[in-house]
Amino acid sequence: MEGKIDLIVTKSVSRFARNTMDSLTTVRKLKDKGIEIYFEKENIWTLDAKGELLITIMSSLAQEENRSISENVTWGHRKRFADGKVCVFPRNENE
């Protein structure tokens, strides 16, 4: 990979890694190899002076949002189950 890739373009910080630590670790490893990452949605370049700070903040926000969504979905499943409204999706016979 070294010398063959110099830029990675990704949709968003939230789609790049599962959590803040994974994101920062990956960004730093790639940065050490001279590979820049561009996050389209946030317009962040990793080799920019403030890039790592912005990635840290945005990754933390994305991680918290993901945790919150997961909690809400779990709560909804439990509530429907407690109310006797368990949702079972029919199997698609074409798959």
Foldseek 3Di string as FASTA:
>chain_A
DQPPAAEAEDAALLPPDQALVVSLVVLVVCVVSNHWYAHVVVRAISVDPCRNVVSNVRRHVSNVVVVVVVVVVVVVQVVCVVVVNHDDDDDDPVD
